[in-house]
Amino acid sequence: MRESAEVTSNKREWHGTHHSWSFRPQAFRWSGEMISGINILPIATDMRAWMLQRGHLSLMPTQEAPDRGGFTNLYTRSGITLSLLMCRVINYSHDYAHGSEPTHDEVDSEIERLRLYNEILLYSARLCEVAIKQLLYCTQIPESRYGRMALGQLLESPCPTCKRANGKEPHLVSLVGTLAHPYHLCLEFKHCAMDHMALVNKLRNSQAAHSGVQELNVKTSDISRSQLLEESSDILNGFLHMLLHVEDLEQNMLQDLASKTNAINLLKLNGLKAEDCNFNLVPDKEFVFNPPE
């Protein structure tokens, strides 16, 4: 995969601390007292496979009731929708850059270039955000901590506890690094993935999310299409690389939760009572049940 020069020059030092965490019951889908499945889907994994023409995107999960094995993770549903929207934008951008809508004049072509470039930037950042929040939903970290955060804040933000202390300088916390740390992935996030995410977030904020936007620069249709192809390729190459790192995290969590599912369901099949199921499910640690005395 090609890496743009802008990405490689965007290196920075990340100082956000990583907090310990455990899984919460909502990491699973439940049917009565039995675990029927995991409450996340491999959003980044599937998106990357589709972009590499190695797989298909998931559609919305079936509509089972929450107490009958249905998904309760709203970020999972949002992630699927954003993936399908991103897919549509990528396909249309590719077709347009290679000559779709040949009747467009110079002004139409430049406006379409700006529209598609903005959508690619927006969906790249939003899809990373929702893939990370989907995983955070499975942890005991309160949703109030991350629910309204944009991508940049998920990478590094002031500790909310310190912010409330009068006169105390807050230290920085990385929720992305916090997720990655138990799976020994925090170094690759710190030294690679987070730089890519920060760049996409910066471009999104400056050119696509707020009042800033690239200026309209009318030129020939061929030049506008060529610029769209070059700029969208740069963004999508970085996006593909971000997805690789998030995929690593997704797969580790899915395997971890699958192992814990098997162990917990076996205990329940052997007669473990619901009141004895107050487990501390530590990530990347084998689940061992210690019966109450």
C-alpha atoms as a PDB file:
ATOM      1  CA  MET A   1       0.000   0.000   0.000  1.00  0.00           C
ATOM      2  CA  ARG A   2       1.287   3.418  -0.974  1.00  0.00           C
ATOM      3  CA  GLU A   3       1.793   5.872   1.853  1.00  0.00           C
ATOM      4  CA  SER A   4       1.556   9.569   1.112  1.00  0.00           C
ATOM      5  CA  ALA A   5       4.404  11.909   2.004  1.00  0.00           C
ATOM      6  CA  GLU A   6       2.002  14.017   4.070  1.00  0.00           C
ATOM      7  CA  VAL A   7       1.237  11.064   6.315  1.00  0.00           C
ATOM      8  CA  THR A   8       4.874  10.185   6.919  1.00  0.00           C
ATOM      9  CA  SER A   9       5.637  13.805   7.829  1.00  0.00           C
ATOM     10  CA  ASN A  10       2.768  13.929  10.310  1.00  0.00           C
ATOM     11  CA  LYS A  11       4.602  12.065  13.066  1.00  0.00           C
ATOM     12  CA  ARG A  12       4.028  13.379  16.586  1.00  0.00           C
ATOM     13  CA  GLU A  13       4.582  12.343  20.163  1.00  0.00           C
ATOM     14  CA  TRP A  14       1.550  10.866  21.883  1.00  0.00           C
ATOM     15  CA  HIS A  15       1.378  11.252  25.659  1.00  0.00           C
ATOM     16  CA  GLY A  16      -2.091   9.906  26.532  1.00  0.00           C
ATOM     17  CA  THR A  17      -2.061   7.361  29.342  1.00  0.00           C
ATOM     18  CA  HIS A  18      -3.725   3.939  29.046  1.00  0.00           C
ATOM     19  CA  HIS A  19      -6.191   2.916  31.748  1.00  0.00           C
ATOM     20  CA  SER A  20      -6.991  -0.641  32.772  1.00  0.00           C
ATOM     21  CA  TRP A  21     -10.446  -1.917  31.885  1.00  0.00           C
ATOM     22  CA  SER A  22     -12.682  -4.986  31.885  1.00  0.00           C
ATOM     23  CA  PHE A  23     -15.518  -6.199  29.691  1.00  0.00           C
ATOM     24  CA  ARG A  24     -19.086  -5.531  30.776  1.00  0.00           C
ATOM     25  CA  PRO A  25     -22.101  -7.829  30.267  1.00  0.00           C
ATOM     26  CA  GLN A  26     -23.186  -5.753  27.251  1.00  0.00           C
ATOM     27  CA  ALA A  27     -20.150  -7.061  25.377  1.00  0.00           C
ATOM     28  CA  PHE A  28     -22.349 -10.106  24.719  1.00  0.00           C
ATOM     29  CA  ARG A  29     -25.739 -10.727  23.155  1.00  0.00           C
ATOM     30  CA  TRP A  30     -28.043 -12.616  25.481  1.00  0.00           C
ATOM     31  CA  SER A  31     -30.891 -15.047  25.061  1.00  0.00           C
ATOM     32  CA  GLY A  32     -32.285 -15.375  28.542  1.00  0.00           C
ATOM     33  CA  GLU A  33     -29.362 -16.302  30.798  1.00  0.00           C
ATOM     34  CA  MET A  34     -27.250 -17.767  27.985  1.00  0.00           C
ATOM     35  CA  ILE A  35     -24.828 -15.844  25.798  1.00  0.00           C
ATOM     36  CA  SER A  36     -25.972 -16.136  22.178  1.00  0.00           C
ATOM     37  CA  GLY A  37     -23.183 -14.125  20.572  1.00  0.00           C
ATOM     38  CA  ILE A  38     -20.844 -11.152  20.697  1.00  0.00           C
ATOM     39  CA  ASN A  39     -22.270  -7.629  20.597  1.00  0.00           C
ATOM     40  CA  ILE A  40     -19.908  -6.310  17.895  1.00  0.00           C
ATOM     41  CA  LEU A  41     -19.240  -6.977  14.224  1.00  0.00           C
ATOM     42  CA  PRO A  42     -15.882  -6.719  12.382  1.00  0.00           C
ATOM     43  CA  ILE A  43     -16.633  -3.339  10.806  1.00  0.00           C
ATOM     44  CA  ALA A  44     -13.037  -2.384   9.967  1.00  0.00           C
ATOM     45  CA  THR A  45     -12.182  -5.941   8.931  1.00  0.00           C
ATOM     46  CA  ASP A  46     -15.078  -6.166   6.474  1.00  0.00           C
ATOM     47  CA  MET A  47     -14.518  -2.668   5.084  1.00  0.00           C
ATOM     48  CA  ARG A  48     -10.853  -3.360   4.421  1.00  0.00           C
ATOM     49  CA  ALA A  49     -11.636  -6.718   2.805  1.00  0.00           C
ATOM     50  CA  TRP A  50     -14.182  -5.047   0.512  1.00  0.00           C
ATOM     51  CA  MET A  51     -11.712  -2.313  -0.500  1.00  0.00           C
ATOM     52  CA  LEU A  52      -9.149  -4.997  -1.356  1.00  0.00           C
ATOM     53  CA  GLN A  53     -11.817  -6.943  -3.287  1.00  0.00           C
ATOM     54  CA  ARG A  54     -11.522  -9.856  -0.878  1.00  0.00           C
ATOM     55  CA  GLY A  55     -14.986  -9.855   0.661  1.00  0.00           C
ATOM     56  CA  HIS A  56     -18.435  -8.328   0.970  1.00  0.00           C
ATOM     57  CA  LEU A  57     -19.813  -5.773   3.381  1.00  0.00           C
ATOM     58  CA  SER A  58     -22.192  -6.946   6.095  1.00  0.00           C
ATOM     59  CA  LEU A  59     -25.803  -5.812   5.912  1.00  0.00           C
ATOM     60  CA  MET A  60     -27.803  -4.829   8.962  1.00  0.00           C
ATOM     61  CA  PRO A  61     -27.947  -7.621  11.565  1.00  0.00           C
ATOM     62  CA  THR A  62     -31.231  -9.437  11.958  1.00  0.00           C
ATOM     63  CA  GLN A  63     -33.837  -7.748  14.111  1.00  0.00           C
ATOM     64  CA  GLU A  64     -34.010 -10.153  17.044  1.00  0.00           C
ATOM     65  CA  ALA A  65     -35.277  -8.690  20.300  1.00  0.00           C
ATOM     66  CA  PRO A  66     -32.523  -7.727  22.761  1.00  0.00           C
ATOM     67  CA  ASP A  67     -33.557 -10.526  25.144  1.00  0.00           C
ATOM     68  CA  ARG A  68     -33.489 -13.074  22.317  1.00  0.00           C
ATOM     69  CA  GLY A  69     -29.954 -12.620  21.072  1.00  0.00           C
ATOM     70  CA  GLY A  70     -30.370  -9.304  19.252  1.00  0.00           C
ATOM     71  CA  PHE A  71     -27.668  -6.668  18.955  1.00  0.00           C
ATOM     72  CA  THR A  72     -27.919  -3.860  21.482  1.00  0.00           C
ATOM     73  CA  ASN A  73     -24.718  -2.065  20.418  1.00  0.00           C
ATOM     74  CA  LEU A  74     -25.970   1.022  18.566  1.00  0.00           C
ATOM     75  CA  TYR A  75     -22.475   1.735  17.268  1.00  0.00           C
ATOM     76  CA  THR A  76     -22.550  -1.593  15.436  1.00  0.00           C
ATOM     77  CA  ARG A  77     -25.665  -0.566  13.524  1.00  0.00           C
ATOM     78  CA  SER A  78     -24.247   2.887  12.792  1.00  0.00           C
ATOM     79  CA  GLY A  79     -21.000   1.302  11.634  1.00  0.00           C
ATOM     80  CA  ILE A  80     -22.764  -0.926   9.128  1.00  0.00           C
ATOM     81  CA  THR A  81     -24.698   2.043   7.715  1.00  0.00           C
ATOM     82  CA  LEU A  82     -21.570   4.197   7.427  1.00  0.00           C
ATOM     83  CA  SER A  83     -19.726   1.324   5.740  1.00  0.00           C
ATOM     84  CA  LEU A  84     -22.414   1.025   3.090  1.00  0.00           C
ATOM     85  CA  LEU A  85     -22.394   4.787   2.526  1.00  0.00           C
ATOM     86  CA  MET A  86     -18.595   4.781   2.239  1.00  0.00           C
ATOM     87  CA  CYS A  87     -18.816   1.943  -0.268  1.00  0.00           C
ATOM     88  CA  ARG A  88     -21.224   3.947  -2.421  1.00  0.00           C
ATOM     89  CA  VAL A  89     -19.012   7.058  -2.295  1.00  0.00           C
ATOM     90  CA  ILE A  90     -15.845   5.119  -3.193  1.00  0.00           C
ATOM     91  CA  ASN A  91     -17.536   3.462  -6.168  1.00  0.00           C
ATOM     92  CA  TYR A  92     -19.037   6.691  -7.470  1.00  0.00           C
ATOM     93  CA  SER A  93     -15.788   8.633  -6.968  1.00  0.00           C
ATOM     94  CA  HIS A  94     -13.861   6.002  -8.930  1.00  0.00           C
ATOM     95  CA  ASP A  95     -16.396   6.025 -11.759  1.00  0.00           C
ATOM     96  CA  TYR A  96     -16.518   9.809 -11.901  1.00  0.00           C
ATOM     97  CA  ALA A  97     -12.750  10.225 -11.900  1.00  0.00           C
ATOM     98  CA  HIS A  98     -12.578   7.811 -14.837  1.00  0.00           C
ATOM     99  CA  GLY A  99     -15.122   9.588 -16.986  1.00  0.00           C
ATOM    100  CA  SER A 100     -18.610   9.152 -15.571  1.00  0.00           C
ATOM    101  CA  GLU A 101     -21.036  11.954 -16.437  1.00  0.00           C
ATOM    102  CA  PRO A 102     -19.108  13.107 -19.543  1.00  0.00           C
ATOM    103  CA  THR A 103     -21.649  15.881 -20.181  1.00  0.00           C
ATOM    104  CA  HIS A 104     -20.522  17.833 -17.104  1.00  0.00           C
ATOM    105  CA  ASP A 105     -18.945  21.168 -17.953  1.00  0.00           C
ATOM    106  CA  GLU A 106     -15.950  22.685 -16.132  1.00  0.00           C
ATOM    107  CA  VAL A 107     -17.994  24.148 -13.272  1.00  0.00           C
ATOM    108  CA  ASP A 108     -20.020  20.951 -12.755  1.00  0.00           C
ATOM    109  CA  SER A 109     -16.861  18.845 -12.712  1.00  0.00           C
ATOM    110  CA  GLU A 110     -15.134  21.018 -10.135  1.00  0.00           C
ATOM    111  CA  ILE A 111     -18.180  21.112  -7.863  1.00  0.00           C
ATOM    112  CA  GLU A 112     -18.506  17.323  -8.118  1.00  0.00           C
ATOM    113  CA  ARG A 113     -14.805  16.908  -7.310  1.00  0.00           C
ATOM    114  CA  LEU A 114     -15.196  18.985  -4.150  1.00  0.00           C
ATOM    115  CA  ARG A 115     -18.362  17.138  -3.109  1.00  0.00           C
ATOM    116  CA  LEU A 116     -16.832  13.684  -3.483  1.00  0.00           C
ATOM    117  CA  TYR A 117     -13.544  14.658  -1.841  1.00  0.00           C
ATOM    118  CA  ASN A 118     -15.465  16.061   1.144  1.00  0.00           C
ATOM    119  CA  GLU A 119     -17.574  12.919   1.481  1.00  0.00           C
ATOM    120  CA  ILE A 120     -14.534  10.637   1.352  1.00  0.00           C
ATOM    121  CA  LEU A 121     -12.851  12.670   4.099  1.00  0.00           C
ATOM    122  CA  LEU A 122     -15.965  12.765   6.263  1.00  0.00           C
ATOM    123  CA  TYR A 123     -16.750   9.070   6.004  1.00  0.00           C
ATOM    124  CA  SER A 124     -13.111   8.053   6.545  1.00  0.00           C
ATOM    125  CA  ALA A 125     -13.056   9.842   9.899  1.00  0.00           C
ATOM    126  CA  ARG A 126     -16.598   8.828  10.888  1.00  0.00           C
ATOM    127  CA  LEU A 127     -16.029   5.157  10.124  1.00  0.00           C
ATOM    128  CA  CYS A 128     -12.884   5.103  12.279  1.00  0.00           C
ATOM    129  CA  GLU A 129     -14.792   6.838  15.064  1.00  0.00           C
ATOM    130  CA  VAL A 130     -17.680   4.389  15.029  1.00  0.00           C
ATOM    131  CA  ALA A 131     -15.423   1.312  14.781  1.00  0.00           C
ATOM    132  CA  ILE A 132     -13.558   2.457  17.909  1.00  0.00           C
ATOM    133  CA  LYS A 133     -16.744   3.378  19.795  1.00  0.00           C
ATOM    134  CA  GLN A 134     -18.254   0.001  18.958  1.00  0.00           C
ATOM    135  CA  LEU A 135     -15.369  -1.621  20.844  1.00  0.00           C
ATOM    136  CA  LEU A 136     -15.481   0.884  23.717  1.00  0.00           C
ATOM    137  CA  TYR A 137     -19.162   0.019  24.190  1.00  0.00           C
ATOM    138  CA  CYS A 138     -18.085  -3.469  25.306  1.00  0.00           C
ATOM    139  CA  THR A 139     -15.944  -2.100  28.133  1.00  0.00           C
ATOM    140  CA  GLN A 140     -16.743  -0.762  31.576  1.00  0.00           C
ATOM    141  CA  ILE A 141     -15.628   2.698  30.442  1.00  0.00           C
ATOM    142  CA  PRO A 142     -18.788   4.846  30.793  1.00  0.00           C
ATOM    143  CA  GLU A 143     -20.365   5.816  27.480  1.00  0.00           C
ATOM    144  CA  SER A 144     -20.567   9.380  28.762  1.00  0.00           C
ATOM    145  CA  ARG A 145     -16.778   9.472  28.439  1.00  0.00           C
ATOM    146  CA  TYR A 146     -16.652   8.813  24.686  1.00  0.00           C
ATOM    147  CA  GLY A 147     -20.161   9.016  23.197  1.00  0.00           C
ATOM    148  CA  ARG A 148     -19.817  12.616  21.995  1.00  0.00           C
ATOM    149  CA  MET A 149     -16.101  12.475  21.216  1.00  0.00           C
ATOM    150  CA  ALA A 150     -14.745  13.044  17.724  1.00  0.00           C
ATOM    151  CA  LEU A 151     -11.800  11.050  16.408  1.00  0.00           C
ATOM    152  CA  GLY A 152      -9.155  13.463  17.687  1.00  0.00           C
ATOM    153  CA  GLN A 153     -10.485  13.273  21.247  1.00  0.00           C
ATOM    154  CA  LEU A 154     -10.527   9.475  21.133  1.00  0.00           C
ATOM    155  CA  LEU A 155      -6.832   9.595  20.278  1.00  0.00           C
ATOM    156  CA  GLU A 156      -5.928  11.935  23.128  1.00  0.00           C
ATOM    157  CA  SER A 157      -7.961  14.136  25.466  1.00  0.00           C
ATOM    158  CA  PRO A 158      -7.696  15.644  28.973  1.00  0.00           C
ATOM    159  CA  CYS A 159      -8.657  13.382  31.867  1.00  0.00           C
ATOM    160  CA  PRO A 160     -12.211  14.398  32.887  1.00  0.00           C
ATOM    161  CA  THR A 161     -11.483  13.762  36.570  1.00  0.00           C
ATOM    162  CA  CYS A 162      -8.527  16.126  36.544  1.00  0.00           C
ATOM    163  CA  LYS A 163     -10.552  18.728  34.645  1.00  0.00           C
ATOM    164  CA  ARG A 164     -12.965  18.920  37.550  1.00  0.00           C
ATOM    165  CA  ALA A 165     -10.197  19.477  40.093  1.00  0.00           C
ATOM    166  CA  ASN A 166      -9.728  23.206  40.680  1.00  0.00           C
ATOM    167  CA  GLY A 167      -6.363  24.452  39.570  1.00  0.00           C
ATOM    168  CA  LYS A 168      -5.084  21.014  38.594  1.00  0.00           C
ATOM    169  CA  GLU A 169      -3.467  20.541  35.199  1.00  0.00           C
ATOM    170  CA  PRO A 170      -5.203  17.551  33.583  1.00  0.00           C
ATOM    171  CA  HIS A 171      -3.092  14.737  32.240  1.00  0.00           C
ATOM    172  CA  LEU A 172      -3.969  13.258  28.846  1.00  0.00           C
ATOM    173  CA  VAL A 173      -5.771   9.962  28.276  1.00  0.00           C
ATOM    174  CA  SER A 174      -5.891   7.939  25.066  1.00  0.00           C
ATOM    175  CA  LEU A 175      -9.017   5.816  24.753  1.00  0.00           C
ATOM    176  CA  VAL A 176      -7.653   4.271  21.554  1.00  0.00           C
ATOM    177  CA  GLY A 177      -4.433   3.342  23.350  1.00  0.00           C
ATOM    178  CA  THR A 178      -6.453   2.101  26.313  1.00  0.00           C
ATOM    179  CA  LEU A 179      -8.278  -0.360  24.059  1.00  0.00           C
ATOM    180  CA  ALA A 180      -5.094  -1.506  22.349  1.00  0.00           C
ATOM    181  CA  HIS A 181      -2.890  -1.884  25.427  1.00  0.00           C
ATOM    182  CA  PRO A 182      -4.107  -5.274  26.790  1.00  0.00           C
ATOM    183  CA  TYR A 183      -3.552  -6.832  23.359  1.00  0.00           C
ATOM    184  CA  HIS A 184       0.013  -5.490  23.082  1.00  0.00           C
ATOM    185  CA  LEU A 185      -1.007  -3.278  20.163  1.00  0.00           C
ATOM    186  CA  CYS A 186      -0.554   0.118  21.783  1.00  0.00           C
ATOM    187  CA  LEU A 187       2.950   0.658  20.355  1.00  0.00           C
ATOM    188  CA  GLU A 188       1.848   0.111  16.762  1.00  0.00           C
ATOM    189  CA  PHE A 189      -1.077   2.455  17.357  1.00  0.00           C
ATOM    190  CA  LYS A 190       1.152   5.053  19.001  1.00  0.00           C
ATOM    191  CA  HIS A 191       3.852   4.948  16.345  1.00  0.00           C
ATOM    192  CA  CYS A 192       1.711   4.458  13.244  1.00  0.00           C
ATOM    193  CA  ALA A 193      -2.086   4.192  13.322  1.00  0.00           C
ATOM    194  CA  MET A 194      -2.714   7.235  15.489  1.00  0.00           C
ATOM    195  CA  ASP A 195      -0.661   9.441  13.160  1.00  0.00           C
ATOM    196  CA  HIS A 196      -2.854   8.364  10.235  1.00  0.00           C
ATOM    197  CA  MET A 197      -6.018   8.949  12.269  1.00  0.00           C
ATOM    198  CA  ALA A 198      -4.807  12.365  13.404  1.00  0.00           C
ATOM    199  CA  LEU A 199      -4.085  13.426   9.822  1.00  0.00           C
ATOM    200  CA  VAL A 200      -7.507  12.354   8.546  1.00  0.00           C
ATOM    201  CA  ASN A 201      -9.141  14.089  11.507  1.00  0.00           C
ATOM    202  CA  LYS A 202      -7.153  17.260  10.829  1.00  0.00           C
ATOM    203  CA  LEU A 203      -8.095  17.282   7.140  1.00  0.00           C
ATOM    204  CA  ARG A 204     -11.731  16.532   7.971  1.00  0.00           C
ATOM    205  CA  ASN A 205     -11.891  19.386  10.483  1.00  0.00           C
ATOM    206  CA  SER A 206     -10.158  21.910   8.228  1.00  0.00           C
ATOM    207  CA  GLN A 207     -11.672  21.012   4.863  1.00  0.00           C
ATOM    208  CA  ALA A 208     -14.896  19.082   5.298  1.00  0.00           C
ATOM    209  CA  ALA A 209     -16.522  19.302   8.726  1.00  0.00           C
ATOM    210  CA  HIS A 210     -16.767  22.979   9.646  1.00  0.00           C
ATOM    211  CA  SER A 211     -16.579  26.316   7.804  1.00  0.00           C
ATOM    212  CA  GLY A 212     -13.317  25.496   6.029  1.00  0.00           C
ATOM    213  CA  VAL A 213     -13.377  23.953   2.569  1.00  0.00           C
ATOM    214  CA  GLN A 214     -11.176  23.803  -0.502  1.00  0.00           C
ATOM    215  CA  GLU A 215     -11.825  26.787  -2.735  1.00  0.00           C
ATOM    216  CA  LEU A 216     -13.633  26.355  -6.015  1.00  0.00           C
ATOM    217  CA  ASN A 217     -10.963  26.445  -8.717  1.00  0.00           C
ATOM    218  CA  VAL A 218     -12.625  26.027 -12.100  1.00  0.00           C
ATOM    219  CA  LYS A 219     -10.470  24.252 -14.682  1.00  0.00           C
ATOM    220  CA  THR A 220     -11.015  21.723 -17.419  1.00  0.00           C
ATOM    221  CA  SER A 221     -13.113  18.678 -16.575  1.00  0.00           C
ATOM    222  CA  ASP A 222     -10.161  16.370 -17.200  1.00  0.00           C
ATOM    223  CA  ILE A 223      -7.973  18.239 -14.703  1.00  0.00           C
ATOM    224  CA  SER A 224     -10.730  18.222 -12.051  1.00  0.00           C
ATOM    225  CA  ARG A 225     -11.199  14.477 -12.494  1.00  0.00           C
ATOM    226  CA  SER A 226      -7.446  13.883 -12.332  1.00  0.00           C
ATOM    227  CA  GLN A 227      -7.225  15.915  -9.107  1.00  0.00           C
ATOM    228  CA  LEU A 228     -10.111  13.932  -7.602  1.00  0.00           C
ATOM    229  CA  LEU A 229      -8.381  10.652  -8.446  1.00  0.00           C
ATOM    230  CA  GLU A 230      -5.087  11.767  -6.893  1.00  0.00           C
ATOM    231  CA  GLU A 231      -6.540  13.290  -3.730  1.00  0.00           C
ATOM    232  CA  SER A 232      -9.057  10.526  -3.097  1.00  0.00           C
ATOM    233  CA  SER A 233      -6.347   7.888  -3.614  1.00  0.00           C
ATOM    234  CA  ASP A 234      -4.166   9.568  -0.969  1.00  0.00           C
ATOM    235  CA  ILE A 235      -7.019   9.641   1.556  1.00  0.00           C
ATOM    236  CA  LEU A 236      -8.148   6.094   0.819  1.00  0.00           C
ATOM    237  CA  ASN A 237      -4.622   4.695   1.063  1.00  0.00           C
ATOM    238  CA  GLY A 238      -4.331   6.206   4.533  1.00  0.00           C
ATOM    239  CA  PHE A 239      -7.827   4.996   5.401  1.00  0.00           C
ATOM    240  CA  LEU A 240      -6.933   1.468   4.318  1.00  0.00           C
ATOM    241  CA  HIS A 241      -3.906   1.559   6.590  1.00  0.00           C
ATOM    242  CA  MET A 242      -5.990   2.783   9.534  1.00  0.00           C
ATOM    243  CA  LEU A 243      -8.428  -0.059   8.952  1.00  0.00           C
ATOM    244  CA  LEU A 244      -5.585  -2.580   9.152  1.00  0.00           C
ATOM    245  CA  HIS A 245      -4.761  -1.501  12.702  1.00  0.00           C
ATOM    246  CA  VAL A 246      -8.393  -1.345  13.803  1.00  0.00           C
ATOM    247  CA  GLU A 247      -8.868  -4.778  12.248  1.00  0.00           C
ATOM    248  CA  ASP A 248      -6.081  -6.147  14.469  1.00  0.00           C
ATOM    249  CA  LEU A 249      -7.878  -4.754  17.505  1.00  0.00           C
ATOM    250  CA  GLU A 250     -11.282  -6.045  16.358  1.00  0.00           C
ATOM    251  CA  GLN A 251      -9.989  -9.553  15.748  1.00  0.00           C
ATOM    252  CA  ASN A 252      -8.241  -9.701  19.123  1.00  0.00           C
ATOM    253  CA  MET A 253     -11.399  -8.611  20.924  1.00  0.00           C
ATOM    254  CA  LEU A 254     -13.629 -10.969  18.936  1.00  0.00           C
ATOM    255  CA  GLN A 255     -11.389 -13.959  19.687  1.00  0.00           C
ATOM    256  CA  ASP A 256     -11.106 -12.927  23.334  1.00  0.00           C
ATOM    257  CA  LEU A 257     -14.876 -12.582  23.740  1.00  0.00           C
ATOM    258  CA  ALA A 258     -15.526 -15.847  21.875  1.00  0.00           C
ATOM    259  CA  SER A 259     -13.262 -17.695  24.324  1.00  0.00           C
ATOM    260  CA  LYS A 260     -15.001 -16.099  27.297  1.00  0.00           C
ATOM    261  CA  THR A 261     -18.411 -16.910  25.786  1.00  0.00           C
ATOM    262  CA  ASN A 262     -17.582 -20.612  25.592  1.00  0.00           C
ATOM    263  CA  ALA A 263     -16.295 -20.701  29.161  1.00  0.00           C
ATOM    264  CA  ILE A 264     -19.275 -18.821  30.640  1.00  0.00           C
ATOM    265  CA  ASN A 265     -21.901 -20.788  28.730  1.00  0.00           C
ATOM    266  CA  LEU A 266     -20.297 -24.048  29.849  1.00  0.00           C
ATOM    267  CA  LEU A 267     -20.558 -22.931  33.458  1.00  0.00           C
ATOM    268  CA  LYS A 268     -24.219 -22.019  32.965  1.00  0.00           C
ATOM    269  CA  LEU A 269     -24.959 -25.359  31.319  1.00  0.00           C
ATOM    270  CA  ASN A 270     -23.410 -27.013  34.362  1.00  0.00           C
ATOM    271  CA  GLY A 271     -25.836 -25.214  36.651  1.00  0.00           C
ATOM    272  CA  LEU A 272     -24.110 -21.970  37.650  1.00  0.00           C
ATOM    273  CA  LYS A 273     -26.705 -19.596  39.116  1.00  0.00           C
ATOM    274  CA  ALA A 274     -27.180 -16.069  37.819  1.00  0.00           C
ATOM    275  CA  GLU A 275     -26.322 -14.550  41.209  1.00  0.00           C
ATOM    276  CA  ASP A 276     -22.883 -16.170  41.004  1.00  0.00           C
ATOM    277  CA  CYS A 277     -22.047 -14.631  37.625  1.00  0.00           C
ATOM    278  CA  ASN A 278     -20.572 -11.321  38.719  1.00  0.00           C
ATOM    279  CA  PHE A 279     -17.372 -11.937  36.761  1.00  0.00           C
ATOM    280  CA  ASN A 280     -14.427  -9.618  36.241  1.00  0.00           C
ATOM    281  CA  LEU A 281     -13.670 -10.238  32.574  1.00  0.00           C
ATOM    282  CA  VAL A 282     -10.154  -8.915  32.029  1.00  0.00           C
ATOM    283  CA  PRO A 283      -9.151  -8.506  28.372  1.00  0.00           C
ATOM    284  CA  ASP A 284      -6.574 -10.960  26.972  1.00  0.00           C
ATOM    285  CA  LYS A 285      -6.645 -12.988  30.194  1.00  0.00           C
ATOM    286  CA  GLU A 286      -8.003 -16.521  30.296  1.00  0.00           C
ATOM    287  CA  PHE A 287     -11.281 -16.606  32.146  1.00  0.00           C
ATOM    288  CA  VAL A 288     -11.015 -18.722  35.293  1.00  0.00           C
ATOM    289  CA  PHE A 289     -14.059 -19.051  37.516  1.00  0.00           C
ATOM    290  CA  ASN A 290     -13.461 -18.910  41.249  1.00  0.00           C
ATOM    291  CA  PRO A 291     -16.654 -20.148  42.941  1.00  0.00           C
ATOM    292  CA  PRO A 292     -17.848 -18.161  45.956  1.00  0.00           C
ATOM    293  CA  GLU A 293     -16.975 -19.685  49.300  1.00  0.00           C
END
